[in-house]
N, C-alpha and C. Protein backbone atom coordinates (compact mmCIF):
# COMPACT_ATOMS: atom_id res chain seq x y z
N MET A 1 0.82 -1.19 0.00
CA MET A 1 0.00 0.00 0.00
C MET A 1 0.86 1.26 0.00
N ALA A 2 1.94 1.25 0.78
CA ALA A 2 2.84 2.39 0.83
C ALA A 2 3.52 2.59 -0.51
N LEU A 3 3.84 1.49 -1.18
CA LEU A 3 4.48 1.57 -2.49
C LEU A 3 3.56 2.23 -3.50
N LEU A 4 2.28 1.90 -3.41
CA LEU A 4 1.30 2.51 -4.31
C LEU A 4 1.21 4.01 -4.08
N GLY A 5 1.25 4.42 -2.82
CA GLY A 5 1.18 5.84 -2.48
C GLY A 5 2.39 6.60 -2.94
N THR A 6 3.57 6.04 -2.76
CA THR A 6 4.79 6.75 -3.14
C THR A 6 4.98 6.81 -4.66
N CYS A 7 4.45 5.83 -5.37
CA CYS A 7 4.54 5.86 -6.83
C CYS A 7 3.43 6.73 -7.44
N GLY A 8 2.30 6.79 -6.78
CA GLY A 8 1.16 7.53 -7.31
C GLY A 8 1.35 9.03 -7.30
N ILE A 9 2.06 9.54 -6.27
CA ILE A 9 2.25 10.99 -6.15
C ILE A 9 3.08 11.54 -7.32
N PRO A 10 4.23 10.96 -7.64
CA PRO A 10 4.99 11.50 -8.78
C PRO A 10 4.26 11.32 -10.12
N ILE A 11 3.54 10.25 -10.27
CA ILE A 11 2.79 10.04 -11.52
C ILE A 11 1.70 11.10 -11.66
N THR A 12 0.98 11.35 -10.58
CA THR A 12 -0.07 12.38 -10.60
C THR A 12 0.53 13.76 -10.86
N GLY A 13 1.67 14.05 -10.25
CA GLY A 13 2.34 15.33 -10.48
C GLY A 13 2.78 15.48 -11.93
N GLY A 14 3.30 14.40 -12.50
CA GLY A 14 3.71 14.43 -13.90
C GLY A 14 2.53 14.69 -14.83
N ILE A 15 1.41 14.06 -14.54
CA ILE A 15 0.21 14.28 -15.35
C ILE A 15 -0.25 15.73 -15.24
N CYS A 16 -0.18 16.30 -14.05
CA CYS A 16 -0.59 17.70 -13.86
C CYS A 16 0.34 18.65 -14.61
N VAL A 17 1.64 18.40 -14.57
CA VAL A 17 2.59 19.25 -15.28
C VAL A 17 2.34 19.17 -16.78
N ALA A 18 2.11 17.97 -17.30
CA ALA A 18 1.82 17.80 -18.72
C ALA A 18 0.53 18.53 -19.10
N ALA A 19 -0.48 18.47 -18.24
CA ALA A 19 -1.76 19.13 -18.52
C ALA A 19 -1.60 20.65 -18.54
N VAL A 20 -0.82 21.20 -17.64
CA VAL A 20 -0.59 22.65 -17.61
C VAL A 20 0.18 23.07 -18.86
N HIS A 21 1.17 22.28 -19.26
CA HIS A 21 1.93 22.59 -20.48
C HIS A 21 1.01 22.57 -21.70
N TYR A 22 0.16 21.58 -21.80
CA TYR A 22 -0.78 21.49 -22.92
C TYR A 22 -1.76 22.67 -22.91
N ALA A 23 -2.22 23.06 -21.73
CA ALA A 23 -3.14 24.20 -21.62
C ALA A 23 -2.46 25.48 -22.10
N ASN A 24 -1.18 25.66 -21.81
CA ASN A 24 -0.44 26.83 -22.29
C ASN A 24 -0.33 26.83 -23.81
N LEU A 25 -0.07 25.66 -24.39
CA LEU A 25 0.01 25.56 -25.85
C LEU A 25 -1.32 25.91 -26.50
N VAL A 26 -2.41 25.41 -25.94
CA VAL A 26 -3.74 25.69 -26.48
C VAL A 26 -4.05 27.18 -26.36
N GLN A 27 -3.68 27.79 -25.24
CA GLN A 27 -3.92 29.22 -25.05
C GLN A 27 -3.14 30.05 -26.06
N ASP A 28 -1.90 29.67 -26.34
CA ASP A 28 -1.10 30.38 -27.35
C ASP A 28 -1.74 30.28 -28.73
N ASP A 29 -2.22 29.09 -29.08
CA ASP A 29 -2.91 28.93 -30.36
C ASP A 29 -4.16 29.78 -30.43
N TRP A 30 -4.89 29.85 -29.34
CA TRP A 30 -6.11 30.65 -29.27
C TRP A 30 -5.79 32.13 -29.48
N ASN A 31 -4.73 32.60 -28.81
CA ASN A 31 -4.33 34.01 -28.95
C ASN A 31 -3.90 34.32 -30.38
N ASN A 32 -3.12 33.44 -30.98
CA ASN A 32 -2.69 33.64 -32.37
C ASN A 32 -3.89 33.65 -33.32
N SER A 33 -4.84 32.78 -33.06
CA SER A 33 -6.04 32.72 -33.89
C SER A 33 -6.84 34.02 -33.79
N ASN A 34 -6.96 34.55 -32.60
CA ASN A 34 -7.70 35.81 -32.42
C ASN A 34 -6.99 36.98 -33.09
N GLN A 35 -5.66 37.00 -33.03
CA GLN A 35 -4.92 38.06 -33.71
C GLN A 35 -5.11 37.97 -35.22
N PHE A 36 -5.07 36.77 -35.76
CA PHE A 36 -5.27 36.57 -37.19
C PHE A 36 -6.68 37.00 -37.59
N LYS A 37 -7.65 36.65 -36.75
CA LYS A 37 -9.04 37.04 -37.02
C LYS A 37 -9.18 38.56 -37.06
N ALA A 38 -8.51 39.25 -36.15
CA ALA A 38 -8.57 40.71 -36.12
C ALA A 38 -7.93 41.31 -37.38
N HIS A 39 -6.81 40.73 -37.83
CA HIS A 39 -6.17 41.22 -39.06
C HIS A 39 -7.07 41.00 -40.28
N VAL A 40 -7.71 39.85 -40.35
CA VAL A 40 -8.59 39.56 -41.48
C VAL A 40 -9.80 40.50 -41.46
N ALA A 41 -10.34 40.75 -40.29
CA ALA A 41 -11.48 41.66 -40.19
C ALA A 41 -11.09 43.08 -40.62
N SER A 42 -9.91 43.50 -40.22
CA SER A 42 -9.43 44.83 -40.62
C SER A 42 -9.23 44.91 -42.13
N LEU A 43 -8.67 43.87 -42.71
CA LEU A 43 -8.48 43.85 -44.16
C LEU A 43 -9.81 43.85 -44.89
N SER A 44 -10.76 43.08 -44.39
CA SER A 44 -12.09 43.03 -45.00
C SER A 44 -12.76 44.40 -44.96
N GLU A 45 -12.62 45.07 -43.83
CA GLU A 45 -13.19 46.42 -43.69
C GLU A 45 -12.54 47.38 -44.69
N SER A 46 -11.22 47.27 -44.85
CA SER A 46 -10.52 48.14 -45.80
C SER A 46 -10.97 47.87 -47.23
N LEU A 47 -11.18 46.61 -47.57
CA LEU A 47 -11.64 46.28 -48.92
C LEU A 47 -13.05 46.82 -49.17
N LEU A 48 -13.91 46.74 -48.18
CA LEU A 48 -15.26 47.28 -48.33
C LEU A 48 -15.23 48.80 -48.48
N GLU A 49 -14.36 49.45 -47.71
CA GLU A 49 -14.23 50.91 -47.83
C GLU A 49 -13.69 51.28 -49.21
N SER A 50 -12.74 50.51 -49.72
CA SER A 50 -12.20 50.78 -51.06
C SER A 50 -13.27 50.64 -52.11
N ARG A 51 -14.10 49.63 -51.95
CA ARG A 51 -15.19 49.43 -52.92
C ARG A 51 -16.16 50.61 -52.89
N GLN A 52 -16.47 51.09 -51.68
CA GLN A 52 -17.39 52.22 -51.55
C GLN A 52 -16.78 53.48 -52.16
N ILE A 53 -15.50 53.71 -51.91
CA ILE A 53 -14.83 54.89 -52.46
C ILE A 53 -14.80 54.81 -53.98
N THR A 54 -14.50 53.62 -54.51
CA THR A 54 -14.48 53.44 -55.96
C THR A 54 -15.85 53.69 -56.57
N SER A 55 -16.87 53.17 -55.92
CA SER A 55 -18.23 53.37 -56.41
C SER A 55 -18.61 54.85 -56.38
N ASP A 56 -18.25 55.54 -55.31
CA ASP A 56 -18.53 56.99 -55.22
C ASP A 56 -17.78 57.75 -56.31
N PHE A 57 -16.53 57.34 -56.58
CA PHE A 57 -15.75 58.01 -57.61
C PHE A 57 -16.36 57.81 -58.99
N LEU A 58 -16.86 56.61 -59.26
CA LEU A 58 -17.47 56.36 -60.56
C LEU A 58 -18.74 57.18 -60.76
N HIS A 59 -19.47 57.42 -59.67
CA HIS A 59 -20.68 58.24 -59.76
C HIS A 59 -20.36 59.73 -59.88
N LYS A 60 -19.32 60.15 -59.19
CA LYS A 60 -18.97 61.58 -59.18
C LYS A 60 -17.45 61.70 -59.06
N PRO A 61 -16.73 61.72 -60.18
CA PRO A 61 -15.26 61.79 -60.15
C PRO A 61 -14.77 63.03 -59.40
N SER A 62 -13.81 62.82 -58.53
CA SER A 62 -13.27 63.91 -57.74
C SER A 62 -11.89 63.52 -57.22
N GLU A 63 -11.02 64.52 -57.06
CA GLU A 63 -9.69 64.28 -56.50
C GLU A 63 -9.78 63.81 -55.05
N MET A 64 -10.82 64.23 -54.35
CA MET A 64 -11.00 63.83 -52.96
C MET A 64 -11.11 62.31 -52.84
N PHE A 65 -11.86 61.68 -53.75
CA PHE A 65 -12.03 60.24 -53.70
C PHE A 65 -10.71 59.53 -54.00
N LEU A 66 -9.91 60.10 -54.91
CA LEU A 66 -8.61 59.49 -55.21
C LEU A 66 -7.70 59.53 -54.00
N ALA A 67 -7.72 60.63 -53.27
CA ALA A 67 -6.90 60.75 -52.07
C ALA A 67 -7.37 59.78 -50.99
N ARG A 68 -8.68 59.67 -50.82
CA ARG A 68 -9.22 58.73 -49.83
C ARG A 68 -8.87 57.30 -50.19
N TYR A 69 -8.93 56.99 -51.48
CA TYR A 69 -8.60 55.63 -51.93
C TYR A 69 -7.13 55.32 -51.66
N ALA A 70 -6.26 56.25 -51.97
CA ALA A 70 -4.82 56.05 -51.73
C ALA A 70 -4.53 55.89 -50.25
N GLN A 71 -5.20 56.68 -49.43
CA GLN A 71 -5.01 56.56 -47.98
C GLN A 71 -5.51 55.22 -47.48
N ASN A 72 -6.64 54.76 -47.99
CA ASN A 72 -7.21 53.48 -47.57
C ASN A 72 -6.32 52.32 -48.01
N GLN A 73 -5.73 52.41 -49.20
CA GLN A 73 -4.86 51.35 -49.69
C GLN A 73 -3.59 51.25 -48.84
N SER A 74 -3.08 52.38 -48.40
CA SER A 74 -1.88 52.33 -47.57
C SER A 74 -2.20 51.80 -46.17
N ALA A 75 -3.45 51.94 -45.73
CA ALA A 75 -3.84 51.47 -44.41
C ALA A 75 -4.11 49.97 -44.39
N SER A 76 -4.53 49.41 -45.52
CA SER A 76 -4.83 47.98 -45.54
C SER A 76 -3.53 47.20 -45.52
N SER A 77 -3.52 46.12 -44.77
CA SER A 77 -2.27 45.39 -44.56
C SER A 77 -2.43 43.93 -44.97
N LEU A 78 -2.49 43.70 -46.25
CA LEU A 78 -2.59 42.33 -46.76
C LEU A 78 -1.32 41.55 -46.44
N SER A 79 -0.17 42.20 -46.47
CA SER A 79 1.08 41.50 -46.20
C SER A 79 1.14 40.98 -44.78
N SER A 80 0.59 41.73 -43.82
CA SER A 80 0.61 41.25 -42.44
C SER A 80 -0.32 40.06 -42.25
N VAL A 81 -1.43 40.04 -42.97
CA VAL A 81 -2.34 38.89 -42.88
C VAL A 81 -1.70 37.68 -43.53
N LYS A 82 -1.01 37.87 -44.66
CA LYS A 82 -0.34 36.77 -45.32
C LYS A 82 0.75 36.20 -44.42
N SER A 83 1.51 37.04 -43.76
CA SER A 83 2.58 36.54 -42.91
C SER A 83 2.04 35.79 -41.70
N LYS A 84 0.88 36.20 -41.19
CA LYS A 84 0.27 35.52 -40.06
C LYS A 84 -0.28 34.15 -40.45
N SER A 85 -0.70 34.02 -41.71
CA SER A 85 -1.30 32.75 -42.13
C SER A 85 -0.24 31.69 -42.38
N LEU A 86 0.99 32.09 -42.60
CA LEU A 86 2.07 31.13 -42.85
C LEU A 86 2.60 30.68 -41.54
């Protein structure tokens, strides 16, 4: 009985350490996934804004729309989303 007790404690401790390590790995994956989701949402918003600006420009050509489009294109970060997906 004593042998079972002395062997059980280190085994239980090892299982707990492994579980905590696995939980940390899962949490890191979750955080990375949320960051990627935020980048994709930002890119999607930028693409929708570009479409709206382009549509407005086609209806009423103006230098203001060209400036807004250029500003929006510089703000969108497709390269950062691509790097996160790899």
